Amino acid sequence: MRNVVWLVLLFAVAVVAALTLGDNTGMASFYWGGWRVDLSLNFFILAALATGFALMTAVQAVNALIGLPKRAREWRMLRLERAAQAALRDAQAEFFAGRYGRAHKAAQRAIAIQEDRHDPGEDQDFRTLALLLAAASLHRLQDRGRRDALLRQALQRGRRGSGQVVDEGVRLLAAEWALDDRDGPRALALLAELPPGVARRTQALRLKLQAARMERRPMDALHTARLLANHQAFSATAAQGLLRSLAIEALESAHDADQLRRAWQQFDAADQRDPFVAARAARRAAQLLAAEDGRAWLRPLWERLETLGADGRAEVALALVDAAAGLGPDWLARVEAAQRAWPTEPAVQAAAGAVLAECRLWGKARRPLELAARDPLLQPRARRLAWRALARLAEAEGDDARALDCLRQAAEQD
């Protein structure tokens, strides 16, 4: 097909030349001093075209000759660039293959080749990536001294380089290595230097969560875990378990009632609605002689016991047992309604018995306390408290033998 096109073009050129140059009636005359030169118009046109072509060819040849050193330098730079890229690819392949010593050597070779270029417009990001790869290899080899030296160079070049993404990657990788070294403060310092947008990325939040847990800062870890859960970084079950454990850890870290109240106020509404978290908060409040606060935290959950499920009701009910000291008559209607609604759940019966006993309604308290004390599925602590309450009831009735038997039963609970 190409030959046919060229043949058609050749015929077209022949036709145009025959039509334009066939009538050779024109003449071109040149005068110089006393001389005169006459040329046919066709010959003059062909001579002019040939002369222009020759001049253009000569100029291109001179330019090519003059630009030969520049092209040779560009060729050499290109060859070095390709060699450096090949060395960097070798380093990546060796790193992923687990040959960290070879990966480090290949990355160093890529850096050396890049330095041989002596290019004013050197690619800073390439060198930074090569330094990171070499440092990562040394990190795997547990050579922290040389790793930190290369990391400092990468951080300095990351600030000067044009690629912001590379600089962010350097800091995230440095924070991850700090966590591997069990250096939580350094990891948190590196993460604090990140821009706000980068600090909200999933990887940065994961690292911040690990650093906060390492430094035993459960409240910071809880807020970070909440952000990760909102980003769907965990499954729903894993997120719930993690948030619950961090909230409980924050509660356990409180050393007095004021710290416990501040921790509770910093919780999200979802944490405060968690029956396991609220139950642990109430127990901790009872331990810190602030049982009234614990009962106040349990009250919203007690109002909706039907939505908590059996496990949630058991936790809230047993927490109320621990926080029953000093309880007033305002809880009587609530616990009696719960006692009637769930007569077969021992934890609810134990809570009803504890509240009734605290209000000194011994006649009503006897049956739920006996049900709780004899239920083998109930927690030993709850059974122990039920037997002690029964012992107080027996003492109030003057039955010392029964009181001693109840105390003996309480002591046998394990």
Protein backbone atom coordinates (compact mmCIF):
# COMPACT_ATOMS: atom_id res chain seq x y z
CA MET A 1 0.00 0.00 0.00
CA ARG A 2 2.83 2.35 0.82
CA ASN A 3 4.43 1.72 -2.58
CA VAL A 4 1.17 2.55 -4.32
CA VAL A 5 0.94 5.86 -2.43
CA TRP A 6 4.50 6.79 -3.36
CA LEU A 7 3.81 5.89 -7.00
CA VAL A 8 0.73 8.10 -7.05
CA LEU A 9 2.72 10.98 -5.53
CA LEU A 10 5.47 10.49 -8.12
CA PHE A 11 2.94 10.70 -10.93
CA ALA A 12 1.44 13.81 -9.38
CA VAL A 13 4.87 15.49 -9.16
CA ALA A 14 5.58 14.54 -12.80
CA VAL A 15 2.30 16.05 -13.95
CA VAL A 16 2.86 19.26 -12.01
CA ALA A 17 6.46 19.56 -13.33
CA ALA A 18 5.31 18.98 -16.92
CA LEU A 19 2.60 21.61 -16.63
CA THR A 20 4.81 24.23 -14.98
CA LEU A 21 8.21 23.57 -16.52
CA GLY A 22 7.19 22.30 -19.94
CA ASP A 23 6.89 25.79 -21.44
CA ASN A 24 10.51 27.00 -21.26
CA THR A 25 9.84 30.56 -22.49
CA GLY A 26 10.97 32.44 -19.39
CA MET A 27 14.50 33.80 -18.89
CA ALA A 28 16.43 35.12 -15.90
CA SER A 29 19.11 37.78 -16.60
CA PHE A 30 21.85 38.89 -14.18
CA TYR A 31 23.93 42.03 -14.62
CA TRP A 32 27.31 42.64 -12.97
CA GLY A 33 29.41 45.56 -14.14
CA GLY A 34 29.67 45.18 -17.87
CA TRP A 35 28.69 41.54 -17.82
CA ARG A 36 25.35 39.96 -18.44
CA VAL A 37 24.31 36.39 -17.79
CA ASP A 38 21.10 34.93 -19.23
CA LEU A 39 19.61 31.72 -17.79
CA SER A 40 16.42 29.89 -18.57
CA LEU A 41 13.81 30.20 -15.87
CA ASN A 42 13.60 26.46 -15.35
CA PHE A 43 17.34 26.13 -14.85
CA PHE A 44 17.38 29.07 -12.47
CA ILE A 45 14.63 27.56 -10.31
CA LEU A 46 16.33 24.15 -10.12
CA ALA A 47 19.71 25.78 -9.37
CA ALA A 48 18.17 27.87 -6.59
CA LEU A 49 16.55 24.81 -5.01
CA ALA A 50 19.78 22.82 -5.22
CA THR A 51 21.80 25.66 -3.69
CA GLY A 52 19.33 26.04 -0.79
CA PHE A 53 19.40 22.30 -0.11
CA ALA A 54 23.22 22.31 -0.14
CA LEU A 55 23.40 25.26 2.25
CA MET A 56 20.92 23.68 4.65
CA THR A 57 22.86 20.42 4.63
CA ALA A 58 26.11 22.26 5.31
CA VAL A 59 24.62 24.19 8.23
CA GLN A 60 23.22 21.00 9.78
CA ALA A 61 26.58 19.28 9.42
CA VAL A 62 28.37 22.16 11.14
CA ASN A 63 25.81 22.22 13.95
CA ALA A 64 26.17 18.48 14.42
CA LEU A 65 29.93 18.81 14.57
CA ILE A 66 29.79 21.65 17.08
CA GLY A 67 27.17 19.87 19.27
CA LEU A 68 29.05 16.57 19.32
CA PRO A 69 30.57 17.10 22.83
CA LYS A 70 27.17 18.04 24.24
CA ARG A 71 25.52 14.96 22.77
CA ALA A 72 28.35 12.80 24.07
CA ARG A 73 27.86 14.24 27.57
CA GLU A 74 24.10 13.67 27.36
CA TRP A 75 24.71 10.10 26.23
CA ARG A 76 27.05 9.50 29.13
CA MET A 77 24.53 11.00 31.59
CA LEU A 78 21.78 8.84 30.14
CA ARG A 79 23.95 5.75 30.44
CA LEU A 80 24.69 6.56 34.10
CA GLU A 81 21.02 7.25 34.75
CA ARG A 82 20.03 3.89 33.32
CA ALA A 83 22.73 2.17 35.35
CA ALA A 84 21.53 3.88 38.53
CA GLN A 85 17.92 2.92 37.83
CA ALA A 86 18.99 -0.67 37.19
CA ALA A 87 20.92 -0.75 40.48
CA LEU A 88 17.91 0.61 42.35
CA ARG A 89 15.66 -2.03 40.81
CA ASP A 90 18.17 -4.70 41.80
CA ALA A 91 18.15 -3.35 45.35
CA GLN A 92 14.35 -3.53 45.50
CA ALA A 93 14.32 -7.07 44.14
CA GLU A 94 16.97 -8.20 46.64
CA PHE A 95 15.11 -6.49 49.50
CA PHE A 96 11.83 -8.18 48.68
CA ALA A 97 13.67 -11.48 48.36
CA GLY A 98 15.03 -11.11 51.89
CA ARG A 99 18.68 -10.64 50.83
CA TYR A 100 19.20 -7.50 52.85
CA GLY A 101 22.99 -7.41 52.59
CA ARG A 102 22.85 -7.52 48.80
CA ALA A 103 20.01 -5.00 48.79
CA HIS A 104 22.12 -2.57 50.82
CA LYS A 105 25.08 -2.94 48.46
CA ALA A 106 22.88 -2.45 45.39
CA ALA A 107 21.33 0.69 46.88
CA GLN A 108 24.77 2.06 47.73
CA ARG A 109 25.86 1.34 44.16
CA ALA A 110 22.87 3.29 42.86
CA ILE A 111 23.83 6.23 45.09
CA ALA A 112 27.45 6.09 43.91
CA ILE A 113 26.42 6.05 40.24
CA GLN A 114 24.11 9.01 40.86
CA GLU A 115 26.97 10.93 42.45
CA ASP A 116 29.21 10.24 39.41
CA ARG A 117 26.81 12.15 37.20
CA HIS A 118 27.77 15.53 38.74
CA ASP A 119 24.47 16.87 37.48
CA PRO A 120 23.39 20.27 38.89
CA GLY A 121 19.77 19.21 38.41
CA GLU A 122 20.27 15.92 40.25
CA ASP A 123 17.12 14.01 41.09
CA GLN A 124 16.92 14.42 44.86
CA ASP A 125 13.96 12.05 45.18
CA PHE A 126 15.91 9.23 43.51
CA ARG A 127 18.75 9.60 45.98
CA THR A 128 16.29 9.79 48.89
CA LEU A 129 14.60 6.58 47.80
CA ALA A 130 17.95 4.86 47.43
CA LEU A 131 18.97 6.03 50.92
CA LEU A 132 15.68 4.74 52.32
CA LEU A 133 16.15 1.37 50.69
CA ALA A 134 19.67 1.09 52.05
CA ALA A 135 18.49 2.15 55.51
CA ALA A 136 15.62 -0.34 55.39
CA SER A 137 18.07 -3.12 54.60
CA LEU A 138 20.27 -2.11 57.54
CA HIS A 139 17.17 -1.99 59.76
CA ARG A 140 16.43 -5.60 58.87
CA LEU A 141 20.04 -6.44 59.68
CA GLN A 142 19.72 -4.69 63.09
CA ASP A 143 22.53 -2.25 62.20
CA ARG A 144 20.97 0.77 63.90
CA GLY A 145 24.05 3.00 63.81
CA ARG A 146 24.48 3.05 60.03
CA ARG A 147 20.72 2.97 59.57
CA ASP A 148 20.27 6.17 61.57
CA ALA A 149 23.06 7.88 59.62
CA LEU A 150 21.39 7.07 56.31
CA LEU A 151 18.02 8.08 57.73
CA ARG A 152 19.35 11.50 58.72
CA GLN A 153 20.63 12.01 55.18
CA ALA A 154 17.24 10.97 53.80
CA LEU A 155 15.45 13.43 56.10
CA GLN A 156 17.74 16.27 55.04
CA ARG A 157 17.32 15.49 51.36
CA GLY A 158 13.59 15.00 51.81
CA ARG A 159 13.29 18.62 52.92
CA ARG A 160 15.24 19.87 49.89
CA GLY A 161 13.65 17.52 47.34
CA SER A 162 10.71 18.45 45.16
CA GLY A 163 8.65 15.42 46.12
CA GLN A 164 6.56 16.06 49.25
CA VAL A 165 5.31 12.48 49.14
CA VAL A 166 8.89 11.21 49.51
CA ASP A 167 9.47 13.38 52.58
CA GLU A 168 6.24 12.13 54.15
CA GLY A 169 7.25 8.56 53.43
CA VAL A 170 10.63 9.11 55.09
CA ARG A 171 9.00 10.34 58.29
CA LEU A 172 6.42 7.57 58.42
CA LEU A 173 9.11 4.95 57.88
CA ALA A 174 11.31 6.57 60.54
CA ALA A 175 8.40 6.48 63.00
CA GLU A 176 7.78 2.81 62.23
CA TRP A 177 11.44 1.99 62.86
CA ALA A 178 11.34 3.92 66.13
CA LEU A 179 8.45 1.74 67.24
CA ASP A 180 10.40 -1.36 66.28
CA ASP A 181 13.20 -0.03 68.52
CA ARG A 182 10.65 0.47 71.36
CA ASP A 183 11.32 4.22 71.23
CA GLY A 184 7.83 5.63 71.69
CA PRO A 185 8.77 9.31 72.32
CA ARG A 186 10.79 9.51 69.09
CA ALA A 187 7.95 7.92 67.13
CA LEU A 188 5.46 10.44 68.54
CA ALA A 189 7.85 13.32 67.78
CA LEU A 190 8.22 12.22 64.16
CA LEU A 191 4.47 11.81 63.76
CA ALA A 192 3.90 15.27 65.27
CA GLU A 193 6.03 16.80 62.48
CA LEU A 194 3.67 15.50 59.80
CA PRO A 195 1.21 17.91 58.15
CA PRO A 196 -2.37 17.65 59.43
CA GLY A 197 -3.59 15.90 56.30
CA VAL A 198 -0.87 13.28 56.46
CA ALA A 199 -1.35 12.76 60.21
CA ARG A 200 -4.94 11.66 59.55
CA ARG A 201 -3.95 8.91 57.14
CA THR A 202 -4.57 5.34 58.23
CA GLN A 203 -0.90 4.37 58.41
CA ALA A 204 -0.01 7.44 60.50
CA LEU A 205 -2.92 6.75 62.86
CA ARG A 206 -1.88 3.11 63.22
CA LEU A 207 1.64 4.17 64.18
CA LYS A 208 0.30 6.79 66.59
CA LEU A 209 -1.92 4.16 68.20
CA GLN A 210 1.03 1.82 68.71
CA ALA A 211 3.17 4.63 70.13
CA ALA A 212 0.43 5.78 72.53
CA ARG A 213 -0.08 2.23 73.81
CA MET A 214 3.65 1.77 74.15
CA GLU A 215 3.90 4.96 76.22
CA ARG A 216 0.88 3.91 78.31
CA ARG A 217 -1.29 6.83 77.23
CA PRO A 218 -4.64 5.06 76.99
CA MET A 219 -6.73 8.19 76.44
CA ASP A 220 -4.67 9.27 73.41
CA ALA A 221 -4.75 5.68 72.17
CA LEU A 222 -8.53 5.61 72.58
CA HIS A 223 -9.05 8.78 70.52
CA THR A 224 -6.71 7.48 67.82
CA ALA A 225 -8.44 4.11 67.75
CA ARG A 226 -11.77 5.91 67.40
CA LEU A 227 -10.46 7.72 64.30
CA LEU A 228 -9.21 4.43 62.87
CA ALA A 229 -12.58 2.84 63.49
CA ASN A 230 -14.25 5.73 61.67
CA HIS A 231 -11.85 5.12 58.76
CA GLN A 232 -12.91 1.45 58.82
CA ALA A 233 -9.35 0.35 59.49
CA PHE A 234 -10.67 -2.56 61.60
CA SER A 235 -13.57 -4.90 61.36
CA ALA A 236 -16.60 -3.98 63.49
CA THR A 237 -15.88 -6.71 66.05
CA ALA A 238 -12.17 -5.89 66.31
CA ALA A 239 -12.89 -2.16 66.61
CA GLN A 240 -15.40 -2.73 69.41
CA GLY A 241 -13.00 -4.96 71.33
CA LEU A 242 -10.08 -2.56 70.91
CA LEU A 243 -12.07 0.52 71.94
CA ARG A 244 -13.50 -1.32 74.93
CA SER A 245 -10.09 -2.51 76.13
CA LEU A 246 -8.55 0.97 75.74
CA ALA A 247 -11.43 2.60 77.60
CA ILE A 248 -11.08 0.09 80.44
CA GLU A 249 -7.33 0.68 80.51
CA ALA A 250 -7.95 4.43 80.80
CA LEU A 251 -10.31 3.81 83.71
CA GLU A 252 -7.86 1.52 85.48
CA SER A 253 -5.10 4.14 85.15
CA ALA A 254 -7.10 6.62 87.28
CA HIS A 255 -5.66 6.87 90.79
CA ASP A 256 -8.39 8.96 92.44
CA ALA A 257 -12.01 9.89 91.92
CA ASP A 258 -11.20 13.19 90.16
CA GLN A 259 -9.03 11.45 87.58
CA LEU A 260 -11.76 8.89 87.05
CA ARG A 261 -14.37 11.59 86.47
CA ARG A 262 -12.11 13.41 83.97
CA ALA A 263 -11.49 10.17 82.12
CA TRP A 264 -15.21 9.43 81.94
CA GLN A 265 -15.98 12.93 80.65
CA GLN A 266 -13.40 12.50 77.88
CA PHE A 267 -15.08 9.35 76.60
CA ASP A 268 -17.24 9.52 73.51
CA ALA A 269 -20.96 8.87 73.87
CA ALA A 270 -20.46 5.47 72.26
CA ASP A 271 -17.95 4.51 74.98
CA GLN A 272 -20.27 5.69 77.74
CA ARG A 273 -23.10 3.62 76.26
CA ASP A 274 -20.99 0.46 76.28
CA PRO A 275 -22.23 -1.68 79.21
CA PHE A 276 -18.83 -3.26 79.80
CA VAL A 277 -17.10 0.14 79.97
CA ALA A 278 -19.78 1.64 82.19
CA ALA A 279 -19.66 -1.40 84.47
CA ARG A 280 -15.90 -1.15 84.86
CA ALA A 281 -16.20 2.58 85.52
CA ALA A 282 -18.76 1.94 88.25
CA ARG A 283 -16.58 -0.73 89.87
CA ARG A 284 -13.56 1.56 89.77
CA ALA A 285 -15.62 4.36 91.27
CA ALA A 286 -16.69 2.05 94.10
CA GLN A 287 -13.05 1.17 94.73
CA LEU A 288 -12.17 4.89 94.90
CA LEU A 289 -15.06 5.57 97.35
CA ALA A 290 -17.15 7.34 94.71
CA ALA A 291 -19.93 4.80 94.34
CA GLU A 292 -22.53 7.53 93.75
CA ASP A 293 -20.74 8.57 90.56
CA GLY A 294 -20.62 4.95 89.45
CA ARG A 295 -24.36 4.56 89.96
CA ALA A 296 -24.96 7.76 88.00
CA TRP A 297 -23.00 6.29 85.09
CA LEU A 298 -24.99 3.05 85.30
CA ARG A 299 -28.41 4.72 85.46
CA PRO A 300 -28.80 5.46 81.68
CA LEU A 301 -27.95 1.84 80.92
CA TRP A 302 -30.28 0.51 83.59
CA GLU A 303 -33.12 2.43 81.96
CA ARG A 304 -32.66 0.39 78.78
CA LEU A 305 -31.66 -3.02 80.07
CA GLU A 306 -33.79 -4.74 77.42
CA THR A 307 -31.47 -3.45 74.67
CA LEU A 308 -28.21 -4.65 76.25
CA GLY A 309 -28.52 -8.40 75.82
CA ALA A 310 -27.90 -11.01 78.49
CA ASP A 311 -24.15 -10.35 78.79
CA GLY A 312 -24.60 -6.58 78.96
CA ARG A 313 -27.35 -6.86 81.58
CA ALA A 314 -25.16 -9.16 83.66
CA GLU A 315 -22.25 -6.70 83.59
CA VAL A 316 -24.41 -3.72 84.54
CA ALA A 317 -26.21 -5.66 87.25
CA LEU A 318 -23.02 -6.99 88.82
CA ALA A 319 -21.48 -3.52 88.69
CA LEU A 320 -24.50 -2.21 90.60
CA VAL A 321 -23.86 -4.90 93.21
CA ASP A 322 -20.33 -3.56 93.70
CA ALA A 323 -21.53 0.06 93.78
CA ALA A 324 -24.54 -0.49 96.05
CA ALA A 325 -22.92 1.07 99.14
CA GLY A 326 -24.85 4.18 100.20
CA LEU A 327 -27.61 3.60 97.67
CA GLY A 328 -30.91 5.42 98.29
CA PRO A 329 -34.55 4.43 97.78
CA ASP A 330 -34.62 6.03 94.30
CA TRP A 331 -33.28 2.76 92.87
CA LEU A 332 -35.98 0.53 94.38
CA ALA A 333 -38.54 0.91 91.60
CA ARG A 334 -35.90 0.30 88.93
CA VAL A 335 -34.47 -2.88 90.42
CA GLU A 336 -37.87 -4.32 91.31
CA ALA A 337 -39.04 -3.79 87.71
CA ALA A 338 -35.88 -5.50 86.44
CA GLN A 339 -36.36 -8.33 88.94
CA ARG A 340 -39.83 -8.99 87.60
CA ALA A 341 -38.75 -8.67 83.96
CA TRP A 342 -35.82 -11.13 84.18
CA PRO A 343 -36.56 -13.57 87.02
CA THR A 344 -34.22 -16.26 85.63
CA GLU A 345 -31.08 -14.13 85.28
CA PRO A 346 -28.94 -14.53 88.43
CA ALA A 347 -27.03 -11.27 87.92
CA VAL A 348 -30.24 -9.22 87.91
CA GLN A 349 -31.46 -11.10 91.01
CA ALA A 350 -28.15 -10.42 92.73
CA ALA A 351 -28.46 -6.70 91.95
CA ALA A 352 -32.04 -6.62 93.25
CA GLY A 353 -31.02 -8.42 96.43
CA ALA A 354 -28.06 -6.08 97.01
CA VAL A 355 -30.18 -2.96 96.54
CA LEU A 356 -32.98 -4.25 98.77
CA ALA A 357 -30.47 -5.29 101.43
CA GLU A 358 -28.80 -1.87 101.28
CA CYS A 359 -32.20 -0.29 101.86
CA ARG A 360 -32.69 -2.78 104.76
CA LEU A 361 -35.73 -4.38 103.17
CA TRP A 362 -34.65 -7.78 104.44
CA GLY A 363 -37.90 -9.54 103.72
CA LYS A 364 -37.84 -8.69 100.04
CA ALA A 365 -34.06 -9.17 99.80
CA ARG A 366 -33.96 -12.74 101.12
CA ARG A 367 -35.23 -14.62 98.07
CA PRO A 368 -33.14 -12.84 95.35
CA LEU A 369 -30.06 -13.11 97.57
CA GLU A 370 -30.58 -16.83 98.06
CA LEU A 371 -31.07 -17.34 94.31
CA ALA A 372 -27.87 -15.43 93.56
CA ALA A 373 -25.84 -17.13 96.28
CA ARG A 374 -26.71 -20.64 95.10
CA ASP A 375 -26.36 -20.07 91.36
CA PRO A 376 -23.12 -21.77 90.18
CA LEU A 377 -23.04 -19.72 86.97
CA LEU A 378 -22.74 -16.41 88.79
CA GLN A 379 -19.36 -14.82 89.38
CA PRO A 380 -17.73 -15.88 92.67
CA ARG A 381 -17.48 -12.26 93.84
CA ALA A 382 -21.22 -11.75 93.37
CA ARG A 383 -22.00 -15.00 95.20
CA ARG A 384 -19.66 -13.97 98.01
CA LEU A 385 -21.40 -10.60 98.38
CA ALA A 386 -24.80 -12.36 98.38
CA TRP A 387 -23.74 -14.72 101.18
CA ARG A 388 -22.41 -11.78 103.22
CA ALA A 389 -25.70 -9.97 102.78
CA LEU A 390 -27.52 -13.10 103.93
CA ALA A 391 -25.18 -13.23 106.94
CA ARG A 392 -26.14 -9.65 107.85
CA LEU A 393 -29.79 -10.59 107.47
CA ALA A 394 -29.32 -13.57 109.82
CA GLU A 395 -27.56 -11.35 112.38
CA ALA A 396 -30.42 -8.87 112.20
CA GLU A 397 -32.83 -11.72 112.93
CA GLY A 398 -30.65 -12.98 115.78
CA ASP A 399 -29.82 -16.31 114.06
CA ASP A 400 -26.09 -16.50 114.82
CA ALA A 401 -25.71 -20.09 113.60
CA ARG A 402 -27.15 -19.22 110.21
CA ALA A 403 -24.97 -16.09 110.07
CA LEU A 404 -21.84 -18.19 110.67
CA ASP A 405 -22.93 -20.69 108.02
CA CYS A 406 -23.44 -17.86 105.49
CA LEU A 407 -20.03 -16.44 106.28
CA ARG A 408 -18.49 -19.88 105.84
CA GLN A 409 -20.22 -20.19 102.44
CA ALA A 410 -18.90 -16.74 101.48
CA ALA A 411 -15.34 -17.75 102.39
CA GLU A 412 -15.58 -20.89 100.25
CA GLN A 413 -16.38 -18.97 97.06
CA ASP A 414 -13.41 -18.89 94.71
